[in-house]
C-alpha atoms as a PDB file:
ATOM      1  CA  UNK A   1      29.647   5.607  -6.092  1.00  0.00           C
ATOM      2  CA  UNK A   2      28.504   9.139  -5.466  1.00  0.00           C
ATOM      3  CA  UNK A   3      29.283  10.728  -1.532  1.00  0.00           C
ATOM      4  CA  UNK A   4      26.441  11.717   0.153  1.00  0.00           C
ATOM      5  CA  UNK A   5      26.710  15.236   1.272  1.00  0.00           C
ATOM      6  CA  UNK A   6      23.957  15.990   3.657  1.00  0.00           C
ATOM      7  CA  UNK A   7      24.874  17.207   6.876  1.00  0.00           C
ATOM      8  CA  UNK A   8      21.656  15.469   8.811  1.00  0.00           C
ATOM      9  CA  UNK A   9      20.465  11.608   8.459  1.00  0.00           C
ATOM     10  CA  UNK A  10      17.452  11.488   7.104  1.00  0.00           C
ATOM     11  CA  UNK A  11      14.428   9.432   8.804  1.00  0.00           C
ATOM     12  CA  UNK A  12      11.536   7.985   7.200  1.00  0.00           C
ATOM     13  CA  UNK A  13       8.348   9.227   8.305  1.00  0.00           C
ATOM     14  CA  UNK A  14       5.071   9.640   7.011  1.00  0.00           C
ATOM     15  CA  UNK A  15       3.214  12.655   8.114  1.00  0.00           C
ATOM     16  CA  UNK A  16       0.615  15.379   6.989  1.00  0.00           C
ATOM     17  CA  UNK A  17       2.077  18.687   6.303  1.00  0.00           C
ATOM     18  CA  UNK A  18       0.690  21.808   5.516  1.00  0.00           C
ATOM     19  CA  UNK A  19       2.116  24.923   3.870  1.00  0.00           C
ATOM     20  CA  UNK A  20       1.593  28.458   2.425  1.00  0.00           C
ATOM     21  CA  UNK A  21       3.799  30.571   0.720  1.00  0.00           C
ATOM     22  CA  UNK A  22       5.191  33.744   2.950  1.00  0.00           C
ATOM     23  CA  UNK A  23       4.367  36.741   1.762  1.00  0.00           C
ATOM     24  CA  UNK A  24       0.961  35.547   0.230  1.00  0.00           C
ATOM     25  CA  UNK A  25      -2.496  37.023   2.151  1.00  0.00           C
ATOM     26  CA  UNK A  26      -4.763  34.794   0.055  1.00  0.00           C
ATOM     27  CA  UNK A  27      -2.391  32.112  -0.859  1.00  0.00           C
ATOM     28  CA  UNK A  28      -3.878  28.477  -1.132  1.00  0.00           C
ATOM     29  CA  UNK A  29      -3.343  25.748   1.442  1.00  0.00           C
ATOM     30  CA  UNK A  30      -1.024  23.404  -0.041  1.00  0.00           C
ATOM     31  CA  UNK A  31      -0.988  19.527   1.468  1.00  0.00           C
ATOM     32  CA  UNK A  32       1.225  16.405   0.958  1.00  0.00           C
ATOM     33  CA  UNK A  33       2.680  13.952   2.886  1.00  0.00           C
ATOM     34  CA  UNK A  34       6.391  14.047   4.226  1.00  0.00           C
ATOM     35  CA  UNK A  35       8.552  10.702   2.750  1.00  0.00           C
ATOM     36  CA  UNK A  36      11.480  11.685   5.326  1.00  0.00           C
ATOM     37  CA  UNK A  37      12.687  14.038   7.561  1.00  0.00           C
ATOM     38  CA  UNK A  38      15.814  15.183   9.107  1.00  0.00           C
ATOM     39  CA  UNK A  39      16.728  18.153  11.487  1.00  0.00           C
ATOM     40  CA  UNK A  40      17.809  19.980   8.068  1.00  0.00           C
ATOM     41  CA  UNK A  41      14.818  19.420   6.803  1.00  0.00           C
ATOM     42  CA  UNK A  42      12.108  17.109   4.542  1.00  0.00           C
ATOM     43  CA  UNK A  43      11.041  15.534   1.178  1.00  0.00           C
ATOM     44  CA  UNK A  44       7.292  16.048   0.543  1.00  0.00           C
ATOM     45  CA  UNK A  45       4.803  14.534  -1.892  1.00  0.00           C
ATOM     46  CA  UNK A  46       2.172  16.802  -3.148  1.00  0.00           C
ATOM     47  CA  UNK A  47      -0.229  17.118  -5.951  1.00  0.00           C
ATOM     48  CA  UNK A  48       0.597  20.803  -5.936  1.00  0.00           C
ATOM     49  CA  UNK A  49       2.633  21.980  -9.278  1.00  0.00           C
ATOM     50  CA  UNK A  50       3.549  25.451  -8.492  1.00  0.00           C
ATOM     51  CA  UNK A  51       6.407  25.224  -5.627  1.00  0.00           C
ATOM     52  CA  UNK A  52       9.200  26.488  -7.069  1.00  0.00           C
ATOM     53  CA  UNK A  53      13.197  26.507  -5.980  1.00  0.00           C
ATOM     54  CA  UNK A  54      13.947  29.424  -3.756  1.00  0.00           C
ATOM     55  CA  UNK A  55      10.317  30.481  -2.176  1.00  0.00           C
ATOM     56  CA  UNK A  56       9.791  30.709   1.201  1.00  0.00           C
ATOM     57  CA  UNK A  57       7.264  28.492   2.902  1.00  0.00           C
ATOM     58  CA  UNK A  58       4.989  28.576   6.235  1.00  0.00           C
ATOM     59  CA  UNK A  59       4.945  24.656   7.051  1.00  0.00           C
ATOM     60  CA  UNK A  60       2.970  22.872   9.582  1.00  0.00           C
ATOM     61  CA  UNK A  61       3.267  18.755  10.502  1.00  0.00           C
ATOM     62  CA  UNK A  62       0.597  16.857  12.062  1.00  0.00           C
ATOM     63  CA  UNK A  63       2.043  14.297  14.580  1.00  0.00           C
ATOM     64  CA  UNK A  64      -0.193  11.691  15.522  1.00  0.00           C
ATOM     65  CA  UNK A  65      -0.654  10.536  19.288  1.00  0.00           C
ATOM     66  CA  UNK A  66       2.033   8.247  19.781  1.00  0.00           C
ATOM     67  CA  UNK A  67       2.304   6.148  23.533  1.00  0.00           C
ATOM     68  CA  UNK A  68       4.837   7.423  25.612  1.00  0.00           C
ATOM     69  CA  UNK A  69       6.222  10.229  23.514  1.00  0.00           C
ATOM     70  CA  UNK A  70       3.038  12.384  22.437  1.00  0.00           C
ATOM     71  CA  UNK A  71      -0.025  10.580  24.063  1.00  0.00           C
ATOM     72  CA  UNK A  72      -2.121  13.146  22.477  1.00  0.00           C
ATOM     73  CA  UNK A  73      -0.453  14.235  19.227  1.00  0.00           C
ATOM     74  CA  UNK A  74       0.623  17.418  18.051  1.00  0.00           C
ATOM     75  CA  UNK A  75       2.486  19.518  14.996  1.00  0.00           C
ATOM     76  CA  UNK A  76       5.399  20.841  14.307  1.00  0.00           C
ATOM     77  CA  UNK A  77       5.634  24.354  12.771  1.00  0.00           C
ATOM     78  CA  UNK A  78       8.213  26.359  11.161  1.00  0.00           C
ATOM     79  CA  UNK A  79       9.738  28.077   7.950  1.00  0.00           C
ATOM     80  CA  UNK A  80      11.520  26.183   5.033  1.00  0.00           C
ATOM     81  CA  UNK A  81      12.793  26.852   1.621  1.00  0.00           C
ATOM     82  CA  UNK A  82      12.100  24.729  -1.208  1.00  0.00           C
ATOM     83  CA  UNK A  83      15.396  23.485  -2.743  1.00  0.00           C
ATOM     84  CA  UNK A  84      14.354  21.478  -5.121  1.00  0.00           C
ATOM     85  CA  UNK A  85      10.813  20.328  -6.801  1.00  0.00           C
ATOM     86  CA  UNK A  86      10.872  17.541  -9.223  1.00  0.00           C
ATOM     87  CA  UNK A  87       7.884  15.427 -11.233  1.00  0.00           C
ATOM     88  CA  UNK A  88       7.123  11.917  -9.792  1.00  0.00           C
ATOM     89  CA  UNK A  89       4.946   9.610 -10.872  1.00  0.00           C
ATOM     90  CA  UNK A  90       4.071   7.028  -7.596  1.00  0.00           C
ATOM     91  CA  UNK A  91       0.278   6.075  -9.075  1.00  0.00           C
ATOM     92  CA  UNK A  92       0.295   6.160 -12.902  1.00  0.00           C
ATOM     93  CA  UNK A  93      -3.222   7.949 -12.847  1.00  0.00           C
ATOM     94  CA  UNK A  94      -2.265  10.368  -9.717  1.00  0.00           C
ATOM     95  CA  UNK A  95       0.979  12.287 -10.823  1.00  0.00           C
ATOM     96  CA  UNK A  96       2.637  13.950  -7.702  1.00  0.00           C
ATOM     97  CA  UNK A  97       5.479  16.162  -7.188  1.00  0.00           C
ATOM     98  CA  UNK A  98       8.092  15.550  -4.554  1.00  0.00           C
ATOM     99  CA  UNK A  99       9.530  18.572  -3.217  1.00  0.00           C
ATOM    100  CA  UNK A 100      13.018  18.938  -1.364  1.00  0.00           C
ATOM    101  CA  UNK A 101      12.468  21.598   1.886  1.00  0.00           C
ATOM    102  CA  UNK A 102      15.229  22.773   4.053  1.00  0.00           C
ATOM    103  CA  UNK A 103      14.122  24.285   7.256  1.00  0.00           C
ATOM    104  CA  UNK A 104      15.232  28.015   8.050  1.00  0.00           C
ATOM    105  CA  UNK A 105      15.226  27.259  11.426  1.00  0.00           C
ATOM    106  CA  UNK A 106      13.845  24.489  13.755  1.00  0.00           C
ATOM    107  CA  UNK A 107      10.295  23.404  13.391  1.00  0.00           C
ATOM    108  CA  UNK A 108       8.786  24.053  16.905  1.00  0.00           C
ATOM    109  CA  UNK A 109       6.361  21.758  18.312  1.00  0.00           C
ATOM    110  CA  UNK A 110       2.833  22.742  19.795  1.00  0.00           C
ATOM    111  CA  UNK A 111       1.379  20.243  21.503  1.00  0.00           C
END
């Protein structure tokens, strides 16, 4: 049995995410969905195949309206580094890449 070396517990959470490589003035916007999120990072499914280990990204996650929590919704934004990028096929006709991101700082909530 392998020990889980993670510092933070992951929570299964499906949020829309948009990111862009830092330092690229005309870099394309990359979209995807979170698989799980923790205070230290997140796992993301995306169709973009050009994210490589070590790259720095500006990320934004959309949070839908949630009664009693964020009644009008909002978004989290911050910086994250790619720590792993693997091919994953959730649907045979639609290959996706699974990317593990580590937050460089705590994402900021915008309402």
